[in-house]
N, C-alpha and C. Protein backbone atom coordinates (compact mmCIF):
# COMPACT_ATOMS: atom_id res chain seq x y z
N MET A 1 125.50 92.03 111.35
CA MET A 1 124.83 92.42 111.04
C MET A 1 123.78 91.89 110.42
N ASN A 2 122.61 92.38 109.97
CA ASN A 2 121.33 91.38 109.80
C ASN A 2 121.62 91.08 108.51
N ASN A 3 121.61 89.95 107.84
CA ASN A 3 121.95 89.71 106.49
C ASN A 3 120.81 90.12 105.70
N ASN A 4 119.88 90.18 106.05
CA ASN A 4 118.68 90.47 105.45
C ASN A 4 118.93 91.57 104.41
N ILE A 5 119.50 93.08 105.78
CA ILE A 5 119.69 94.53 105.74
C ILE A 5 120.83 93.96 104.49
N ASN A 6 121.86 93.64 104.67
CA ASN A 6 122.75 93.35 103.88
C ASN A 6 123.01 93.27 102.55
N ASN A 7 121.75 92.09 102.16
CA ASN A 7 121.44 91.56 101.00
C ASN A 7 120.50 92.36 99.93
N GLN A 8 119.57 92.74 101.09
CA GLN A 8 118.93 94.44 100.35
C GLN A 8 119.46 95.19 100.21
N LEU A 9 120.43 95.88 100.57
CA LEU A 9 121.17 97.18 100.21
C LEU A 9 121.92 96.63 99.19
N GLU A 10 122.81 95.15 99.07
CA GLU A 10 123.89 95.25 98.13
C GLU A 10 123.17 94.94 96.72
N LYS A 11 121.78 94.22 96.48
CA LYS A 11 120.69 94.41 95.36
C LYS A 11 120.63 96.12 95.29
N ILE A 12 120.05 96.65 96.06
CA ILE A 12 119.56 98.04 95.59
C ILE A 12 121.08 98.66 94.90
N LEU A 13 121.85 98.58 95.93
CA LEU A 13 123.17 99.59 95.52
C LEU A 13 123.72 99.31 94.03
N SER A 14 123.82 97.89 93.81
CA SER A 14 123.88 97.88 92.50
C SER A 14 123.60 98.53 91.41
N ASN A 15 121.97 99.08 91.80
CA ASN A 15 121.51 99.91 90.37
C ASN A 15 122.65 101.44 90.20
N PHE A 16 122.64 101.35 91.32
CA PHE A 16 123.26 102.99 91.20
C PHE A 16 124.55 103.06 91.25
N ILE A 17 125.68 101.86 90.92
CA ILE A 17 126.68 101.52 90.37
C ILE A 17 127.31 102.58 89.05
N GLU A 18 128.50 103.50 89.08
CA GLU A 18 128.99 104.23 88.16
C GLU A 18 128.14 105.54 87.51
N LYS A 19 126.86 105.49 88.50
CA LYS A 19 125.93 106.65 88.28
C LYS A 19 126.24 107.91 89.03
N SER A 20 125.48 109.05 89.17
CA SER A 20 125.35 110.42 89.69
C SER A 20 124.76 110.35 90.99
N ILE A 21 124.88 110.44 91.86
CA ILE A 21 123.86 110.48 93.28
C ILE A 21 123.91 111.55 94.35
N ILE A 22 122.88 112.21 94.53
CA ILE A 22 122.84 113.11 95.72
C ILE A 22 123.31 112.35 96.72
N VAL A 23 123.66 112.66 97.71
CA VAL A 23 123.60 112.48 99.20
C VAL A 23 123.60 113.39 100.14
N LYS A 24 122.06 112.63 100.67
CA LYS A 24 122.00 113.89 101.76
C LYS A 24 121.38 113.33 103.19
N GLN A 25 122.05 113.93 104.20
CA GLN A 25 122.42 113.54 105.54
C GLN A 25 121.90 113.99 106.27
N SER A 26 120.33 113.83 107.23
CA SER A 26 119.46 114.46 108.43
C SER A 26 119.78 114.07 109.41
N GLY A 27 119.29 114.91 110.33
CA GLY A 27 118.94 114.04 111.84
C GLY A 27 120.46 115.07 112.53
N PHE A 28 121.33 114.91 113.86
CA PHE A 28 122.04 115.57 114.36
C PHE A 28 122.75 116.08 113.44
N LEU A 29 123.72 115.45 112.47
CA LEU A 29 124.21 116.14 111.62
C LEU A 29 123.44 116.73 110.07
N GLU A 30 123.82 117.53 109.61
CA GLU A 30 122.77 117.82 108.31
C GLU A 30 124.33 118.31 106.90
N SER A 31 124.09 117.66 106.21
CA SER A 31 124.82 117.91 104.82
C SER A 31 123.88 117.14 103.32
N THR A 32 124.93 117.71 102.50
CA THR A 32 124.55 117.32 101.30
C THR A 32 125.67 117.43 100.40
N TYR A 33 125.93 116.30 99.78
CA TYR A 33 126.75 116.53 98.46
C TYR A 33 126.81 115.64 97.48
N CYS A 34 127.72 115.62 96.21
CA CYS A 34 126.99 114.96 95.22
C CYS A 34 128.16 113.77 94.67
N ILE A 35 128.08 112.85 94.12
CA ILE A 35 129.23 111.65 93.79
C ILE A 35 128.47 111.08 92.80
N GLU A 36 129.83 111.59 91.46
CA GLU A 36 129.36 111.39 90.62
C GLU A 36 129.47 110.21 89.75
N THR A 37 130.57 109.39 90.17
CA THR A 37 130.78 108.06 89.36
C THR A 37 130.86 106.87 91.20
N LEU A 38 129.37 106.68 91.51
CA LEU A 38 129.60 105.76 92.38
C LEU A 38 130.21 104.43 92.71
N THR A 39 131.20 104.09 93.22
CA THR A 39 131.66 102.91 93.48
C THR A 39 131.24 102.26 94.88
N TYR A 40 131.37 101.54 95.44
CA TYR A 40 131.10 101.07 96.58
C TYR A 40 131.57 99.61 97.03
N PHE A 41 132.13 99.20 98.38
CA PHE A 41 132.66 98.18 98.88
C PHE A 41 132.36 98.31 100.15
N VAL A 42 132.11 96.85 101.23
CA VAL A 42 131.90 96.74 102.89
C VAL A 42 133.07 95.90 102.59
N LYS A 43 133.93 96.53 103.74
CA LYS A 43 134.80 95.32 104.38
C LYS A 43 134.71 96.11 105.87
N ASN A 44 134.64 94.83 106.80
CA ASN A 44 134.42 94.60 108.15
C ASN A 44 133.17 95.53 108.74
N ASP A 45 131.79 95.07 107.83
CA ASP A 45 130.91 95.96 108.27
C ASP A 45 130.60 97.51 108.42
N ILE A 46 131.46 97.64 107.22
CA ILE A 46 131.40 99.13 107.01
C ILE A 46 131.36 99.20 105.35
N LEU A 47 129.98 100.02 105.37
CA LEU A 47 129.30 100.67 103.88
C LEU A 47 130.46 101.68 103.56
N ASN A 48 131.50 101.25 102.71
CA ASN A 48 131.95 102.53 102.01
C ASN A 48 131.58 102.83 100.48
N VAL A 49 131.07 104.25 100.30
CA VAL A 49 130.32 104.46 99.25
C VAL A 49 131.23 105.84 98.94
N GLU A 50 131.97 105.57 97.37
CA GLU A 50 132.72 106.50 97.26
C GLU A 50 132.64 107.42 95.97
N ASP A 51 133.16 108.46 95.00
CA ASP A 51 133.00 108.80 93.86
C ASP A 51 134.44 108.15 93.66
N LYS A 52 134.64 107.56 92.22
CA LYS A 52 135.32 107.09 91.88
C LYS A 52 136.48 107.99 91.16
N ASP A 53 136.02 108.91 90.74
CA ASP A 53 136.64 110.02 90.24
C ASP A 53 137.24 111.21 90.94
N SER A 54 137.18 111.29 92.11
CA SER A 54 137.26 112.45 93.47
C SER A 54 137.71 111.80 94.73
N ASN A 55 137.90 112.51 95.90
CA ASN A 55 137.78 112.15 97.09
C ASN A 55 136.55 111.97 98.03
N VAL A 56 135.07 112.04 97.48
CA VAL A 56 134.21 112.40 97.86
C VAL A 56 133.24 110.89 98.32
N TYR A 57 133.61 110.72 99.59
CA TYR A 57 132.92 109.56 99.93
C TYR A 57 131.88 109.35 100.99
N ILE A 58 131.36 108.42 101.87
CA ILE A 58 130.56 107.95 102.94
C ILE A 58 130.96 107.05 102.91
N LYS A 59 131.76 106.64 104.36
CA LYS A 59 131.44 105.29 104.99
C LYS A 59 130.25 105.23 106.39
N ILE A 60 129.73 103.87 106.10
CA ILE A 60 128.22 103.98 106.79
C ILE A 60 128.95 102.26 108.31
N ASN A 61 128.76 102.48 109.28
CA ASN A 61 128.31 101.38 110.26
C ASN A 61 127.24 100.37 109.96
N LEU A 62 127.47 99.70 109.00
CA LEU A 62 125.99 98.26 108.68
C LEU A 62 125.67 98.32 109.99
N ASN A 63 126.29 97.78 110.91
CA ASN A 63 125.51 97.48 112.19
C ASN A 63 124.51 98.45 112.55
N GLN A 64 124.48 99.95 112.35
CA GLN A 64 123.27 100.79 112.64
C GLN A 64 122.54 101.25 111.63
N ILE A 65 122.61 100.62 110.64
CA ILE A 65 121.25 100.16 109.76
C ILE A 65 120.22 99.61 110.54
N TYR A 66 118.88 100.24 110.53
CA TYR A 66 117.70 99.38 111.48
C TYR A 66 116.73 99.17 110.29
N LYS A 67 116.74 100.25 109.04
CA LYS A 67 115.87 100.32 107.97
C LYS A 67 115.98 100.97 106.47
N ILE A 68 115.61 100.21 105.39
CA ILE A 68 116.03 100.68 104.34
C ILE A 68 114.86 100.46 103.44
N LYS A 69 115.04 101.53 102.73
CA LYS A 69 112.97 102.21 102.48
C LYS A 69 114.15 102.32 100.58
N ASN A 70 113.48 101.30 99.95
CA ASN A 70 113.64 102.18 98.43
C ASN A 70 112.25 102.31 97.60
N GLU A 71 112.94 103.52 97.00
CA GLU A 71 112.03 104.07 96.28
C GLU A 71 112.46 104.25 95.10
N LYS A 72 111.62 104.79 94.08
CA LYS A 72 111.99 105.25 92.64
C LYS A 72 113.29 106.48 92.24
N ASP A 73 114.12 105.19 92.16
CA ASP A 73 115.65 106.29 92.35
C ASP A 73 115.52 106.56 93.09
N LYS A 74 115.60 106.32 94.61
CA LYS A 74 116.35 106.68 95.82
C LYS A 74 115.99 105.57 96.87
N ILE A 75 116.97 105.89 97.53
CA ILE A 75 117.56 104.86 98.95
C ILE A 75 117.60 105.68 99.74
N LEU A 76 116.60 105.33 100.84
CA LEU A 76 116.99 106.29 102.70
C LEU A 76 117.76 104.76 103.32
N LEU A 77 117.96 105.47 104.06
CA LEU A 77 119.41 104.23 105.20
C LEU A 77 118.85 104.80 106.85
N TYR A 78 117.95 104.42 107.18
CA TYR A 78 117.41 104.24 108.70
C TYR A 78 119.23 104.25 109.67
N LEU A 79 119.48 105.32 110.87
CA LEU A 79 120.65 104.69 111.22
C LEU A 79 119.87 104.86 112.70
N ASP A 80 120.20 103.99 113.20
CA ASP A 80 120.18 103.72 114.85
C ASP A 80 120.55 105.11 116.05
N ASN A 81 121.34 106.27 115.30
CA ASN A 81 121.60 107.34 115.92
C ASN A 81 120.39 108.61 116.06
N ASP A 82 119.29 108.17 114.95
CA ASP A 82 118.55 109.20 114.91
C ASP A 82 119.07 110.21 113.54
N THR A 83 119.63 109.23 112.56
CA THR A 83 120.45 109.68 111.65
C THR A 83 119.07 109.10 109.87
N ILE A 84 118.94 110.22 108.91
CA ILE A 84 118.40 109.31 107.65
C ILE A 84 119.58 109.67 106.41
N ILE A 85 119.92 109.05 106.22
CA ILE A 85 120.78 109.13 104.62
C ILE A 85 120.01 108.60 103.50
N THR A 86 120.22 109.91 102.50
CA THR A 86 119.57 109.55 101.21
C THR A 86 120.20 109.77 100.36
N PHE A 87 120.77 108.15 99.10
CA PHE A 87 120.93 108.46 97.90
C PHE A 87 119.94 108.60 96.76
N THR A 88 119.87 109.82 96.02
CA THR A 88 118.70 109.95 94.92
C THR A 88 119.66 109.92 93.65
N LEU A 89 119.05 109.20 92.95
CA LEU A 89 119.83 109.52 91.08
C LEU A 89 119.84 110.90 91.34
N LYS A 90 121.40 111.42 90.41
CA LYS A 90 121.23 112.90 89.85
C LYS A 90 120.23 112.82 88.70
N ARG A 91 119.63 113.61 87.87
CA ARG A 91 118.66 113.77 86.66
C ARG A 91 119.73 114.98 86.00
């Protein structure tokens, strides 16, 4: 995995810890759901984003991420398989 992307992602996600977010996946699969209390960890190049209080989670192979866009209260992850995953802080 590209260390620059990994470092950038770690820095951005640290601002989302313990916060509520809306996860939106668009591309060949589409979904939207909420993570009320975000926690995350990386293991074996897999980003695990979980809800601390429920069974809601998403796992992303970090080697598939080719671009990260950070906007105010929003992260967009562009994946090799024409998928965009968006994490937006819930208001």
